Amino acid sequence: MLARGLSILRCFRPGESELPLSEIARRADMPKATAHRIITELVMEGMLERGEKGLRLGISLFMIGARVPRQLELRCLAFPYAEQLHHLTRGSAFVFISDALGPDAALVDAVRRAYGAGAEQETRASAQAATRVFHAFGACAAFPSRGARVTDEEAAQAQHQGFVAVRGATGAVGIAAPVLTASNTAVGALAVAGPQSRLQVVKAASHLRSACAAVSRALQRTPEPALVR
């Protein structure tokens, strides 16, 4: 039951505020009746909430997640740089950590340029870029066949240039760079996103690399966080 409950919570992807029951059941690969029963319990515990168009993650889940030591440490170090990136690039800025239980980037915090549909598109593009960064820099080695898998050539290119850019079909572009541990593995990422017509990729990537290098140095002065496999 615990595993099924977690599979439902993990159905929500960056940039998705609500999901209908049918989509949650499809993503969790379980009958709608089973998903409904588990969702009812999660709502009672505050892990999920009912919205206008479906289900959304609940405040209890946020309160538990906010106590995660690795998240708190990385957020404290990286968030000031995210604010600087927001001002320097005029785009949305994001802090991600690698998800130890799956292949996706986990959003920690954001300084947003826009809200509504535009914000969701930028969050999605930045999360895709951060996930590719984690694959390229070894944080997702345990999940080689899932998520935004990158080829050896794409990984080598990302490692050479120090960032990944993803251009979405909706017109948003997301750029991410790694926060590295002393063993040169990405434990986190900073990202910026905005409209393709406004965000200057080369300039934004330069600011990103500088910010990530500073956060990496600060992180390496503290005990290296263990990546749970």
Protein backbone atom coordinates (compact mmCIF):
# COMPACT_ATOMS: atom_id res chain seq x y z
CA MET A 1 0.00 0.00 0.00
CA LEU A 2 2.86 2.38 0.82
CA ALA A 3 4.50 1.71 -2.54
CA ARG A 4 1.22 2.37 -4.35
CA GLY A 5 0.70 5.60 -2.45
CA LEU A 6 4.18 6.78 -3.36
CA SER A 7 3.63 5.86 -7.00
CA ILE A 8 0.58 8.13 -7.03
CA LEU A 9 2.46 11.04 -5.46
CA ARG A 10 5.24 10.61 -8.00
CA CYS A 11 2.78 11.03 -10.88
CA PHE A 12 3.03 14.80 -10.52
CA ARG A 13 5.72 16.32 -12.73
CA PRO A 14 7.29 19.78 -12.53
CA GLY A 15 4.94 22.41 -13.88
CA GLU A 16 1.78 20.34 -13.31
CA SER A 17 -0.45 21.85 -10.65
CA GLU A 18 -3.38 19.40 -10.91
CA LEU A 19 -4.06 16.00 -12.44
CA PRO A 20 -7.40 14.22 -13.02
CA LEU A 21 -7.99 10.82 -11.43
CA SER A 22 -7.91 9.05 -14.81
CA GLU A 23 -4.44 10.41 -15.62
CA ILE A 24 -3.08 9.54 -12.18
CA ALA A 25 -4.37 5.97 -12.54
CA ARG A 26 -2.79 5.70 -16.00
CA ARG A 27 0.59 6.97 -14.87
CA ALA A 28 0.57 4.85 -11.72
CA ASP A 29 -0.50 1.81 -13.78
CA MET A 30 -3.40 0.82 -11.54
CA PRO A 31 -7.20 0.53 -11.88
CA LYS A 32 -9.16 3.73 -11.32
CA ALA A 33 -11.01 2.17 -8.39
CA THR A 34 -7.73 1.33 -6.67
CA ALA A 35 -6.29 4.77 -7.38
CA HIS A 36 -9.47 6.40 -6.02
CA ARG A 37 -9.27 4.41 -2.78
CA ILE A 38 -5.62 5.30 -2.18
CA ILE A 39 -6.16 8.94 -3.18
CA THR A 40 -8.98 9.21 -0.63
CA GLU A 41 -6.58 8.15 2.13
CA LEU A 42 -3.88 10.55 0.86
CA VAL A 43 -6.39 13.41 0.90
CA MET A 44 -7.36 12.55 4.48
CA GLU A 45 -3.67 12.73 5.47
CA GLY A 46 -3.15 16.04 3.69
CA MET A 47 -0.74 14.57 1.15
CA LEU A 48 -3.14 15.42 -1.69
CA GLU A 49 -5.81 18.09 -2.07
CA ARG A 50 -8.83 18.32 -4.34
CA GLY A 51 -8.73 21.20 -6.81
CA GLU A 52 -11.02 22.56 -9.50
CA LYS A 53 -9.68 20.25 -12.22
CA GLY A 54 -8.45 17.27 -10.24
CA LEU A 55 -5.94 16.43 -7.51
CA ARG A 56 -2.91 18.43 -6.41
CA LEU A 57 -0.09 17.84 -3.96
CA GLY A 58 -1.03 18.76 -0.39
CA ILE A 59 0.46 20.99 2.27
CA SER A 60 1.44 18.04 4.50
CA LEU A 61 3.70 16.71 1.78
CA PHE A 62 5.32 20.14 1.43
CA MET A 63 5.91 20.40 5.19
CA ILE A 64 7.63 17.02 5.28
CA GLY A 65 9.71 17.75 2.19
CA ALA A 66 10.85 21.09 3.58
CA ARG A 67 12.59 19.25 6.43
CA VAL A 68 14.87 17.18 4.17
CA PRO A 69 18.46 18.11 5.19
CA ARG A 70 19.95 17.90 1.69
CA GLN A 71 17.18 20.10 0.30
CA LEU A 72 17.60 22.68 3.06
CA GLU A 73 21.38 22.85 2.66
CA LEU A 74 21.33 23.18 -1.11
CA ARG A 75 18.47 25.67 -1.07
CA CYS A 76 20.24 27.90 1.45
CA LEU A 77 23.39 27.90 -0.65
CA ALA A 78 21.77 28.18 -4.07
CA PHE A 79 18.72 30.40 -3.63
CA PRO A 80 20.64 33.71 -3.44
CA TYR A 81 22.27 32.81 -6.76
CA ALA A 82 18.86 31.95 -8.22
CA GLU A 83 17.71 35.44 -7.31
CA GLN A 84 20.78 36.92 -9.01
CA LEU A 85 20.16 34.80 -12.11
CA HIS A 86 16.58 36.04 -12.24
CA HIS A 87 17.75 39.64 -12.27
CA LEU A 88 20.66 39.05 -14.67
CA THR A 89 18.71 37.05 -17.27
CA ARG A 90 15.20 38.48 -16.75
CA GLY A 91 13.98 34.90 -16.83
CA SER A 92 12.63 32.49 -14.24
CA ALA A 93 15.31 30.86 -12.08
CA PHE A 94 15.11 27.44 -10.43
CA VAL A 95 16.94 25.25 -7.90
CA PHE A 96 16.77 21.47 -8.43
CA ILE A 97 18.15 18.45 -6.63
CA SER A 98 18.64 15.00 -8.13
CA ASP A 99 15.81 12.62 -7.24
CA ALA A 100 17.35 9.62 -5.49
CA LEU A 101 14.18 7.54 -6.11
CA GLY A 102 13.87 8.18 -9.83
CA PRO A 103 15.32 9.80 -12.92
CA ASP A 104 13.68 13.21 -12.68
CA ALA A 105 14.92 16.52 -11.28
CA ALA A 106 13.14 17.55 -8.08
CA LEU A 107 12.25 21.24 -7.85
CA VAL A 108 13.37 22.88 -4.60
CA ASP A 109 12.65 26.56 -5.17
CA ALA A 110 12.05 29.13 -7.88
CA VAL A 111 12.06 32.85 -8.63
CA ARG A 112 9.47 33.20 -11.36
CA ARG A 113 9.27 35.64 -14.24
CA ALA A 114 5.67 34.77 -15.04
CA TYR A 115 2.69 32.88 -13.66
CA GLY A 116 -0.08 30.77 -15.13
CA ALA A 117 0.49 28.79 -18.32
CA GLY A 118 3.78 30.56 -19.02
CA ALA A 119 5.17 29.56 -15.64
CA GLU A 120 4.22 25.91 -16.18
CA GLN A 121 5.94 25.86 -19.57
CA GLU A 122 9.12 27.41 -18.15
CA THR A 123 9.13 25.04 -15.17
CA ARG A 124 8.75 22.06 -17.49
CA ALA A 125 11.55 23.20 -19.81
CA SER A 126 13.93 23.89 -16.92
CA ALA A 127 13.11 20.52 -15.28
CA GLN A 128 13.84 18.71 -18.54
CA ALA A 129 17.17 20.51 -18.83
CA ALA A 130 18.06 19.74 -15.19
CA THR A 131 17.16 16.06 -15.62
CA ARG A 132 19.46 15.87 -18.64
CA VAL A 133 22.20 17.50 -16.57
CA PHE A 134 21.78 14.83 -13.88
CA HIS A 135 21.98 12.06 -16.48
CA ALA A 136 25.06 13.64 -18.09
CA PHE A 137 26.86 14.12 -14.78
CA GLY A 138 26.14 10.70 -13.29
CA ALA A 139 23.39 11.47 -10.76
CA CYS A 140 20.90 9.18 -12.55
CA ALA A 141 23.15 6.24 -13.36
CA ALA A 142 20.79 3.88 -11.55
CA PHE A 143 18.02 4.70 -14.02
CA PRO A 144 19.62 4.29 -17.48
CA SER A 145 16.42 3.41 -19.33
CA ARG A 146 13.96 5.90 -17.84
CA GLY A 147 13.33 9.62 -18.01
CA ALA A 148 15.26 12.02 -20.25
CA ARG A 149 17.99 9.55 -21.19
CA VAL A 150 20.99 11.10 -22.91
CA THR A 151 23.38 9.43 -25.32
CA ASP A 152 27.11 9.22 -24.65
CA GLU A 153 27.62 11.96 -27.23
CA GLU A 154 25.04 14.23 -25.58
CA ALA A 155 26.59 13.58 -22.16
CA ALA A 156 30.07 14.41 -23.46
CA GLN A 157 28.77 17.63 -25.01
CA ALA A 158 27.04 18.64 -21.77
CA GLN A 159 30.19 17.92 -19.77
CA HIS A 160 32.29 19.92 -22.24
CA GLN A 161 30.09 23.01 -22.34
CA GLY A 162 28.95 22.77 -18.71
CA PHE A 163 25.23 23.20 -19.33
CA VAL A 164 22.20 21.77 -21.14
CA ALA A 165 19.60 23.78 -23.09
CA VAL A 166 16.14 22.42 -23.89
CA ARG A 167 13.81 24.19 -26.30
CA GLY A 168 10.20 23.29 -25.72
CA ALA A 169 7.47 23.08 -28.34
CA THR A 170 5.55 25.80 -26.51
CA GLY A 171 8.20 28.44 -27.13
CA ALA A 172 9.98 28.26 -23.75
CA VAL A 173 13.68 27.47 -23.42
CA GLY A 174 15.23 26.00 -20.28
CA ILE A 175 18.94 26.04 -19.47
CA ALA A 176 20.50 24.12 -16.58
CA ALA A 177 23.99 23.67 -15.16
CA PRO A 178 25.20 21.27 -12.46
CA VAL A 179 26.09 21.82 -8.83
CA LEU A 180 28.90 19.33 -8.34
CA THR A 181 30.19 17.42 -5.34
CA ALA A 182 33.89 16.85 -4.75
CA SER A 183 33.55 13.60 -6.73
CA ASN A 184 32.30 15.62 -9.73
CA THR A 185 28.75 14.23 -9.55
CA ALA A 186 25.76 16.52 -9.93
CA VAL A 187 23.86 16.68 -6.65
CA GLY A 188 21.89 19.73 -7.71
CA ALA A 189 21.33 22.13 -10.56
CA LEU A 190 20.51 25.75 -11.18
CA ALA A 191 18.34 26.58 -14.18
CA VAL A 192 16.86 29.57 -15.96
CA ALA A 193 13.96 29.62 -18.39
CA GLY A 194 12.05 32.08 -20.52
CA PRO A 195 10.64 32.68 -24.01
CA GLN A 196 13.00 31.67 -26.81
CA SER A 197 12.58 35.12 -28.32
CA ARG A 198 13.87 36.87 -25.17
CA LEU A 199 16.27 34.60 -23.31
CA GLN A 200 19.87 34.79 -24.59
CA VAL A 201 21.12 31.22 -24.22
CA VAL A 202 24.87 31.87 -24.41
CA LYS A 203 24.78 34.78 -21.97
CA ALA A 204 22.42 33.01 -19.58
CA ALA A 205 24.58 29.85 -19.67
CA SER A 206 27.64 31.90 -18.76
CA HIS A 207 25.87 33.32 -15.70
CA LEU A 208 24.62 29.83 -14.80
CA ARG A 209 28.08 28.24 -14.92
CA SER A 210 29.51 30.97 -12.69
CA ALA A 211 26.70 30.61 -10.18
CA CYS A 212 26.92 26.80 -10.10
CA ALA A 213 30.69 26.94 -9.64
CA ALA A 214 30.24 29.18 -6.60
CA VAL A 215 27.55 26.93 -5.09
CA SER A 216 29.68 23.85 -5.80
CA ARG A 217 32.65 25.37 -3.94
CA ALA A 218 30.46 26.22 -0.98
CA LEU A 219 28.89 22.75 -0.97
CA GLN A 220 32.27 21.04 -1.11
CA ARG A 221 33.36 22.86 2.03
CA THR A 222 30.66 20.93 3.92
CA PRO A 223 30.42 17.11 4.31
CA GLU A 224 29.40 15.62 0.96
CA PRO A 225 25.74 14.48 1.00
CA ALA A 226 25.22 10.80 0.32
CA LEU A 227 23.19 9.86 -2.74
CA VAL A 228 20.69 7.19 -1.71
CA ARG A 229 20.34 4.41 -4.27
